[in-house]
C-alpha atoms as a PDB file:
ATOM      1  CA  UNK A   1      81.721 122.404 130.699  1.00  0.00           C
ATOM      2  CA  UNK A   2      83.815 120.718 133.367  1.00  0.00           C
ATOM      3  CA  UNK A   3      87.026 121.517 131.461  1.00  0.00           C
ATOM      4  CA  UNK A   4      86.138 125.201 131.122  1.00  0.00           C
ATOM      5  CA  UNK A   5      85.239 125.412 134.820  1.00  0.00           C
ATOM      6  CA  UNK A   6      88.556 123.811 135.766  1.00  0.00           C
ATOM      7  CA  UNK A   7      90.549 126.203 133.568  1.00  0.00           C
ATOM      8  CA  UNK A   8      88.715 129.212 135.009  1.00  0.00           C
ATOM      9  CA  UNK A   9      89.439 128.142 138.593  1.00  0.00           C
ATOM     10  CA  UNK A  10      93.070 127.387 137.735  1.00  0.00           C
ATOM     11  CA  UNK A  11      93.462 130.792 136.100  1.00  0.00           C
ATOM     12  CA  UNK A  12      92.153 132.804 139.041  1.00  0.00           C
ATOM     13  CA  UNK A  13      94.158 130.664 141.502  1.00  0.00           C
ATOM     14  CA  UNK A  14      97.470 131.654 139.914  1.00  0.00           C
ATOM     15  CA  UNK A  15      98.753 134.982 141.310  1.00  0.00           C
ATOM     16  CA  UNK A  16      99.353 137.718 138.755  1.00  0.00           C
ATOM     17  CA  UNK A  17     102.922 137.896 137.543  1.00  0.00           C
ATOM     18  CA  UNK A  18     102.534 141.673 137.608  1.00  0.00           C
ATOM     19  CA  UNK A  19     101.439 141.829 141.238  1.00  0.00           C
ATOM     20  CA  UNK A  20     103.261 144.327 143.439  1.00  0.00           C
ATOM     21  CA  UNK A  21     106.038 142.858 145.554  1.00  0.00           C
ATOM     22  CA  UNK A  22     105.519 143.784 149.209  1.00  0.00           C
ATOM     23  CA  UNK A  23     108.948 143.901 150.835  1.00  0.00           C
ATOM     24  CA  UNK A  24     109.679 142.408 154.273  1.00  0.00           C
ATOM     25  CA  UNK A  25     110.145 144.800 157.156  1.00  0.00           C
ATOM     26  CA  UNK A  26     113.538 146.555 157.077  1.00  0.00           C
ATOM     27  CA  UNK A  27     116.134 145.828 159.734  1.00  0.00           C
ATOM     28  CA  UNK A  28     116.328 148.830 162.056  1.00  0.00           C
ATOM     29  CA  UNK A  29     118.850 147.517 164.559  1.00  0.00           C
ATOM     30  CA  UNK A  30     122.164 145.682 164.462  1.00  0.00           C
ATOM     31  CA  UNK A  31     125.177 146.164 162.239  1.00  0.00           C
ATOM     32  CA  UNK A  32     128.189 148.364 162.924  1.00  0.00           C
ATOM     33  CA  UNK A  33     128.058 151.720 164.698  1.00  0.00           C
ATOM     34  CA  UNK A  34     127.872 154.874 162.580  1.00  0.00           C
ATOM     35  CA  UNK A  35     131.485 155.931 163.171  1.00  0.00           C
ATOM     36  CA  UNK A  36     132.765 152.488 162.247  1.00  0.00           C
ATOM     37  CA  UNK A  37     130.714 152.614 159.060  1.00  0.00           C
ATOM     38  CA  UNK A  38     131.972 156.091 158.167  1.00  0.00           C
ATOM     39  CA  UNK A  39     135.551 154.937 158.584  1.00  0.00           C
ATOM     40  CA  UNK A  40     135.190 151.786 156.496  1.00  0.00           C
ATOM     41  CA  UNK A  41     132.727 153.120 153.886  1.00  0.00           C
ATOM     42  CA  UNK A  42     134.231 152.687 150.400  1.00  0.00           C
ATOM     43  CA  UNK A  43     133.121 152.193 146.815  1.00  0.00           C
ATOM     44  CA  UNK A  44     133.330 148.729 145.315  1.00  0.00           C
ATOM     45  CA  UNK A  45     136.058 148.484 142.698  1.00  0.00           C
ATOM     46  CA  UNK A  46     135.178 148.000 139.045  1.00  0.00           C
ATOM     47  CA  UNK A  47     137.650 145.171 138.525  1.00  0.00           C
ATOM     48  CA  UNK A  48     136.502 143.030 141.438  1.00  0.00           C
ATOM     49  CA  UNK A  49     132.957 144.155 142.168  1.00  0.00           C
ATOM     50  CA  UNK A  50     131.165 141.354 144.057  1.00  0.00           C
ATOM     51  CA  UNK A  51     128.176 139.660 142.474  1.00  0.00           C
ATOM     52  CA  UNK A  52     126.723 137.845 145.491  1.00  0.00           C
ATOM     53  CA  UNK A  53     122.934 137.685 145.578  1.00  0.00           C
ATOM     54  CA  UNK A  54     121.020 140.301 147.603  1.00  0.00           C
ATOM     55  CA  UNK A  55     118.201 138.906 149.756  1.00  0.00           C
ATOM     56  CA  UNK A  56     114.761 140.536 149.843  1.00  0.00           C
ATOM     57  CA  UNK A  57     115.375 141.440 153.491  1.00  0.00           C
ATOM     58  CA  UNK A  58     118.666 143.175 152.625  1.00  0.00           C
ATOM     59  CA  UNK A  59     117.137 145.035 149.690  1.00  0.00           C
ATOM     60  CA  UNK A  60     114.252 146.048 151.946  1.00  0.00           C
ATOM     61  CA  UNK A  61     116.639 147.606 154.483  1.00  0.00           C
ATOM     62  CA  UNK A  62     118.699 149.415 151.834  1.00  0.00           C
ATOM     63  CA  UNK A  63     115.640 150.928 150.127  1.00  0.00           C
ATOM     64  CA  UNK A  64     114.157 151.985 153.473  1.00  0.00           C
ATOM     65  CA  UNK A  65     117.437 153.699 154.351  1.00  0.00           C
ATOM     66  CA  UNK A  66     117.732 155.280 150.906  1.00  0.00           C
ATOM     67  CA  UNK A  67     114.334 156.960 150.870  1.00  0.00           C
ATOM     68  CA  UNK A  68     115.022 158.643 154.196  1.00  0.00           C
ATOM     69  CA  UNK A  69     111.625 158.406 155.858  1.00  0.00           C
ATOM     70  CA  UNK A  70     113.154 156.599 158.783  1.00  0.00           C
ATOM     71  CA  UNK A  71     111.591 158.281 161.819  1.00  0.00           C
ATOM     72  CA  UNK A  72     108.080 156.890 161.986  1.00  0.00           C
ATOM     73  CA  UNK A  73     106.361 159.755 160.165  1.00  0.00           C
ATOM     74  CA  UNK A  74     108.291 162.487 162.023  1.00  0.00           C
ATOM     75  CA  UNK A  75     110.021 163.760 158.905  1.00  0.00           C
ATOM     76  CA  UNK A  76     112.744 162.887 156.454  1.00  0.00           C
ATOM     77  CA  UNK A  77     116.431 162.224 157.021  1.00  0.00           C
ATOM     78  CA  UNK A  78     117.141 163.305 153.448  1.00  0.00           C
ATOM     79  CA  UNK A  79     116.871 166.956 152.298  1.00  0.00           C
ATOM     80  CA  UNK A  80     113.649 166.690 150.315  1.00  0.00           C
ATOM     81  CA  UNK A  81     112.596 170.316 149.889  1.00  0.00           C
ATOM     82  CA  UNK A  82     109.825 171.418 152.191  1.00  0.00           C
ATOM     83  CA  UNK A  83     109.005 167.835 153.196  1.00  0.00           C
ATOM     84  CA  UNK A  84     107.429 167.230 149.795  1.00  0.00           C
ATOM     85  CA  UNK A  85     106.733 163.829 148.341  1.00  0.00           C
ATOM     86  CA  UNK A  86     109.947 162.339 146.955  1.00  0.00           C
ATOM     87  CA  UNK A  87     110.886 164.169 143.757  1.00  0.00           C
ATOM     88  CA  UNK A  88     113.625 161.591 143.334  1.00  0.00           C
ATOM     89  CA  UNK A  89     112.319 158.144 142.457  1.00  0.00           C
ATOM     90  CA  UNK A  90     114.244 154.940 143.116  1.00  0.00           C
ATOM     91  CA  UNK A  91     113.997 152.141 140.572  1.00  0.00           C
ATOM     92  CA  UNK A  92     115.432 148.672 141.106  1.00  0.00           C
ATOM     93  CA  UNK A  93     116.825 146.799 138.103  1.00  0.00           C
ATOM     94  CA  UNK A  94     117.271 143.042 138.483  1.00  0.00           C
ATOM     95  CA  UNK A  95     117.571 140.179 136.005  1.00  0.00           C
ATOM     96  CA  UNK A  96     113.869 139.428 136.585  1.00  0.00           C
ATOM     97  CA  UNK A  97     112.719 142.939 135.638  1.00  0.00           C
ATOM     98  CA  UNK A  98     112.610 146.573 136.736  1.00  0.00           C
ATOM     99  CA  UNK A  99     110.620 147.947 139.666  1.00  0.00           C
ATOM    100  CA  UNK A 100     109.636 151.299 141.163  1.00  0.00           C
ATOM    101  CA  UNK A 101     110.104 151.549 144.921  1.00  0.00           C
ATOM    102  CA  UNK A 102     107.026 152.933 146.702  1.00  0.00           C
ATOM    103  CA  UNK A 103     108.314 154.137 150.062  1.00  0.00           C
ATOM    104  CA  UNK A 104     104.856 154.839 151.501  1.00  0.00           C
ATOM    105  CA  UNK A 105     103.783 151.194 151.188  1.00  0.00           C
ATOM    106  CA  UNK A 106     107.341 149.727 151.189  1.00  0.00           C
ATOM    107  CA  UNK A 107     106.533 147.915 147.972  1.00  0.00           C
ATOM    108  CA  UNK A 108     108.276 147.206 144.671  1.00  0.00           C
ATOM    109  CA  UNK A 109     105.867 148.004 141.839  1.00  0.00           C
ATOM    110  CA  UNK A 110     106.561 146.082 138.653  1.00  0.00           C
ATOM    111  CA  UNK A 111     107.471 148.249 135.665  1.00  0.00           C
ATOM    112  CA  UNK A 112     108.623 145.474 133.343  1.00  0.00           C
ATOM    113  CA  UNK A 113     109.330 141.769 133.655  1.00  0.00           C
ATOM    114  CA  UNK A 114     111.968 141.880 130.915  1.00  0.00           C
ATOM    115  CA  UNK A 115     115.674 141.729 131.732  1.00  0.00           C
ATOM    116  CA  UNK A 116     116.788 145.277 130.929  1.00  0.00           C
ATOM    117  CA  UNK A 117     120.111 145.208 132.792  1.00  0.00           C
ATOM    118  CA  UNK A 118     122.012 145.895 129.552  1.00  0.00           C
ATOM    119  CA  UNK A 119     120.088 149.151 129.116  1.00  0.00           C
ATOM    120  CA  UNK A 120     121.639 150.716 132.241  1.00  0.00           C
ATOM    121  CA  UNK A 121     125.163 151.408 130.952  1.00  0.00           C
ATOM    122  CA  UNK A 122     128.019 149.660 129.181  1.00  0.00           C
ATOM    123  CA  UNK A 123     129.877 148.419 132.279  1.00  0.00           C
ATOM    124  CA  UNK A 124     129.935 144.632 132.426  1.00  0.00           C
ATOM    125  CA  UNK A 125     130.080 144.531 136.220  1.00  0.00           C
ATOM    126  CA  UNK A 126     126.940 146.687 136.416  1.00  0.00           C
ATOM    127  CA  UNK A 127     125.066 144.432 134.000  1.00  0.00           C
ATOM    128  CA  UNK A 128     126.170 141.393 136.052  1.00  0.00           C
ATOM    129  CA  UNK A 129     125.102 142.859 139.413  1.00  0.00           C
ATOM    130  CA  UNK A 130     122.183 141.147 141.174  1.00  0.00           C
ATOM    131  CA  UNK A 131     120.513 144.528 141.723  1.00  0.00           C
ATOM    132  CA  UNK A 132     121.086 148.099 140.565  1.00  0.00           C
ATOM    133  CA  UNK A 133     119.408 151.174 142.043  1.00  0.00           C
ATOM    134  CA  UNK A 134     118.569 153.874 139.504  1.00  0.00           C
ATOM    135  CA  UNK A 135     117.741 157.351 140.849  1.00  0.00           C
ATOM    136  CA  UNK A 136     115.406 159.425 138.672  1.00  0.00           C
ATOM    137  CA  UNK A 137     114.490 163.086 139.096  1.00  0.00           C
ATOM    138  CA  UNK A 138     110.730 163.747 139.015  1.00  0.00           C
ATOM    139  CA  UNK A 139     110.190 167.534 139.279  1.00  0.00           C
ATOM    140  CA  UNK A 140     106.394 167.162 139.110  1.00  0.00           C
ATOM    141  CA  UNK A 141     106.332 166.844 142.914  1.00  0.00           C
ATOM    142  CA  UNK A 142     108.248 170.088 143.486  1.00  0.00           C
ATOM    143  CA  UNK A 143     105.340 172.414 142.842  1.00  0.00           C
ATOM    144  CA  UNK A 144     106.319 176.077 143.167  1.00  0.00           C
ATOM    145  CA  UNK A 145     109.870 175.088 144.087  1.00  0.00           C
ATOM    146  CA  UNK A 146     110.472 173.667 140.612  1.00  0.00           C
ATOM    147  CA  UNK A 147     111.954 177.055 139.638  1.00  0.00           C
ATOM    148  CA  UNK A 148     114.778 176.419 142.131  1.00  0.00           C
ATOM    149  CA  UNK A 149     115.610 173.053 140.646  1.00  0.00           C
ATOM    150  CA  UNK A 150     117.376 174.483 137.562  1.00  0.00           C
ATOM    151  CA  UNK A 151     119.580 171.707 136.210  1.00  0.00           C
ATOM    152  CA  UNK A 152     118.220 169.300 138.823  1.00  0.00           C
ATOM    153  CA  UNK A 153     120.218 170.938 141.636  1.00  0.00           C
ATOM    154  CA  UNK A 154     117.621 170.065 144.285  1.00  0.00           C
ATOM    155  CA  UNK A 155     117.288 166.545 142.930  1.00  0.00           C
ATOM    156  CA  UNK A 156     121.055 165.987 142.901  1.00  0.00           C
ATOM    157  CA  UNK A 157     121.314 167.279 146.475  1.00  0.00           C
ATOM    158  CA  UNK A 158     118.639 164.847 147.629  1.00  0.00           C
ATOM    159  CA  UNK A 159     120.191 162.017 145.620  1.00  0.00           C
ATOM    160  CA  UNK A 160     123.589 162.603 147.235  1.00  0.00           C
ATOM    161  CA  UNK A 161     122.096 162.232 150.703  1.00  0.00           C
ATOM    162  CA  UNK A 162     120.077 159.191 149.649  1.00  0.00           C
ATOM    163  CA  UNK A 163     123.181 157.579 148.135  1.00  0.00           C
ATOM    164  CA  UNK A 164     125.097 158.141 151.382  1.00  0.00           C
ATOM    165  CA  UNK A 165     122.325 156.305 153.228  1.00  0.00           C
ATOM    166  CA  UNK A 166     122.675 153.453 150.729  1.00  0.00           C
ATOM    167  CA  UNK A 167     126.450 153.273 151.306  1.00  0.00           C
ATOM    168  CA  UNK A 168     126.084 153.112 155.075  1.00  0.00           C
ATOM    169  CA  UNK A 169     123.230 150.588 155.096  1.00  0.00           C
ATOM    170  CA  UNK A 170     124.879 148.417 152.451  1.00  0.00           C
ATOM    171  CA  UNK A 171     128.238 148.334 154.196  1.00  0.00           C
ATOM    172  CA  UNK A 172     126.561 147.373 157.459  1.00  0.00           C
ATOM    173  CA  UNK A 173     125.075 144.369 155.613  1.00  0.00           C
ATOM    174  CA  UNK A 174     128.323 143.325 153.932  1.00  0.00           C
ATOM    175  CA  UNK A 175     127.190 144.642 150.549  1.00  0.00           C
ATOM    176  CA  UNK A 176     129.293 146.717 148.154  1.00  0.00           C
ATOM    177  CA  UNK A 177     128.026 149.606 146.053  1.00  0.00           C
ATOM    178  CA  UNK A 178     129.442 152.316 143.815  1.00  0.00           C
ATOM    179  CA  UNK A 179     128.056 155.762 142.880  1.00  0.00           C
ATOM    180  CA  UNK A 180     128.085 155.989 139.074  1.00  0.00           C
ATOM    181  CA  UNK A 181     126.892 158.831 136.836  1.00  0.00           C
ATOM    182  CA  UNK A 182     127.879 157.126 133.572  1.00  0.00           C
ATOM    183  CA  UNK A 183     124.553 155.762 132.318  1.00  0.00           C
ATOM    184  CA  UNK A 184     122.436 155.363 129.200  1.00  0.00           C
ATOM    185  CA  UNK A 185     119.711 157.909 129.969  1.00  0.00           C
ATOM    186  CA  UNK A 186     117.749 157.310 126.771  1.00  0.00           C
ATOM    187  CA  UNK A 187     117.714 153.528 127.094  1.00  0.00           C
ATOM    188  CA  UNK A 188     116.797 153.707 130.782  1.00  0.00           C
ATOM    189  CA  UNK A 189     114.000 156.156 129.984  1.00  0.00           C
ATOM    190  CA  UNK A 190     112.597 153.832 127.324  1.00  0.00           C
ATOM    191  CA  UNK A 191     112.818 150.756 129.554  1.00  0.00           C
ATOM    192  CA  UNK A 192     111.005 152.532 132.397  1.00  0.00           C
ATOM    193  CA  UNK A 193     108.591 154.546 130.266  1.00  0.00           C
ATOM    194  CA  UNK A 194     109.711 157.807 131.877  1.00  0.00           C
ATOM    195  CA  UNK A 195     107.640 160.931 131.336  1.00  0.00           C
ATOM    196  CA  UNK A 196     108.901 164.281 130.089  1.00  0.00           C
ATOM    197  CA  UNK A 197     111.001 165.982 132.773  1.00  0.00           C
ATOM    198  CA  UNK A 198     111.980 162.716 134.469  1.00  0.00           C
ATOM    199  CA  UNK A 199     115.757 162.328 134.239  1.00  0.00           C
ATOM    200  CA  UNK A 200     117.994 159.427 135.356  1.00  0.00           C
ATOM    201  CA  UNK A 201     120.650 160.955 137.647  1.00  0.00           C
ATOM    202  CA  UNK A 202     122.863 158.106 138.831  1.00  0.00           C
ATOM    203  CA  UNK A 203     123.064 154.391 139.456  1.00  0.00           C
ATOM    204  CA  UNK A 204     124.272 152.321 142.412  1.00  0.00           C
ATOM    205  CA  UNK A 205     124.945 148.633 141.707  1.00  0.00           C
ATOM    206  CA  UNK A 206     124.734 146.296 144.704  1.00  0.00           C
ATOM    207  CA  UNK A 207     126.625 143.053 145.286  1.00  0.00           C
ATOM    208  CA  UNK A 208     127.062 140.844 148.342  1.00  0.00           C
ATOM    209  CA  UNK A 209     130.693 140.444 149.384  1.00  0.00           C
END
């Protein structure tokens, strides 16, 4: 009886491996000025893409910038049609698994704990990156405006603005990124369990310089 009681207590004392990962608060000050960042903004090169580890604080700031809800509930800084809920989802692939970014709670929600980096695309530097952002179109949040989305035009427009935010935030933190549309859509969809209509649009690997 004592042994069973001990095992029960030990089990409930161990946090769930599938628990959501609450991110630290994003940095909202510091770094270079906007014009300096615009001048020096550049894509990381394939042949020498850095693979330095990204801290949770740095990832927190980049995801906060990417989603575009940066004005304390006063609206979006990305062109999400009609102020709707994000119809572009951001997933984070890391060697320890894949996660969905929930901007409303600033949390990474675990999708899988398996290393699925090789499912992203066939580029070795992408697979070796410490973190890769995967942008996925989710037209279910567009409502009546879904008819305007066509071949994901609205989603690509939003993704372009979100990617620009990633470039600027990343460069301010000494992190390289690269906008890539060459990806394995089917493999990504399987790894993430995407629903019908959800389409991977692009990827942005991240690496500390």
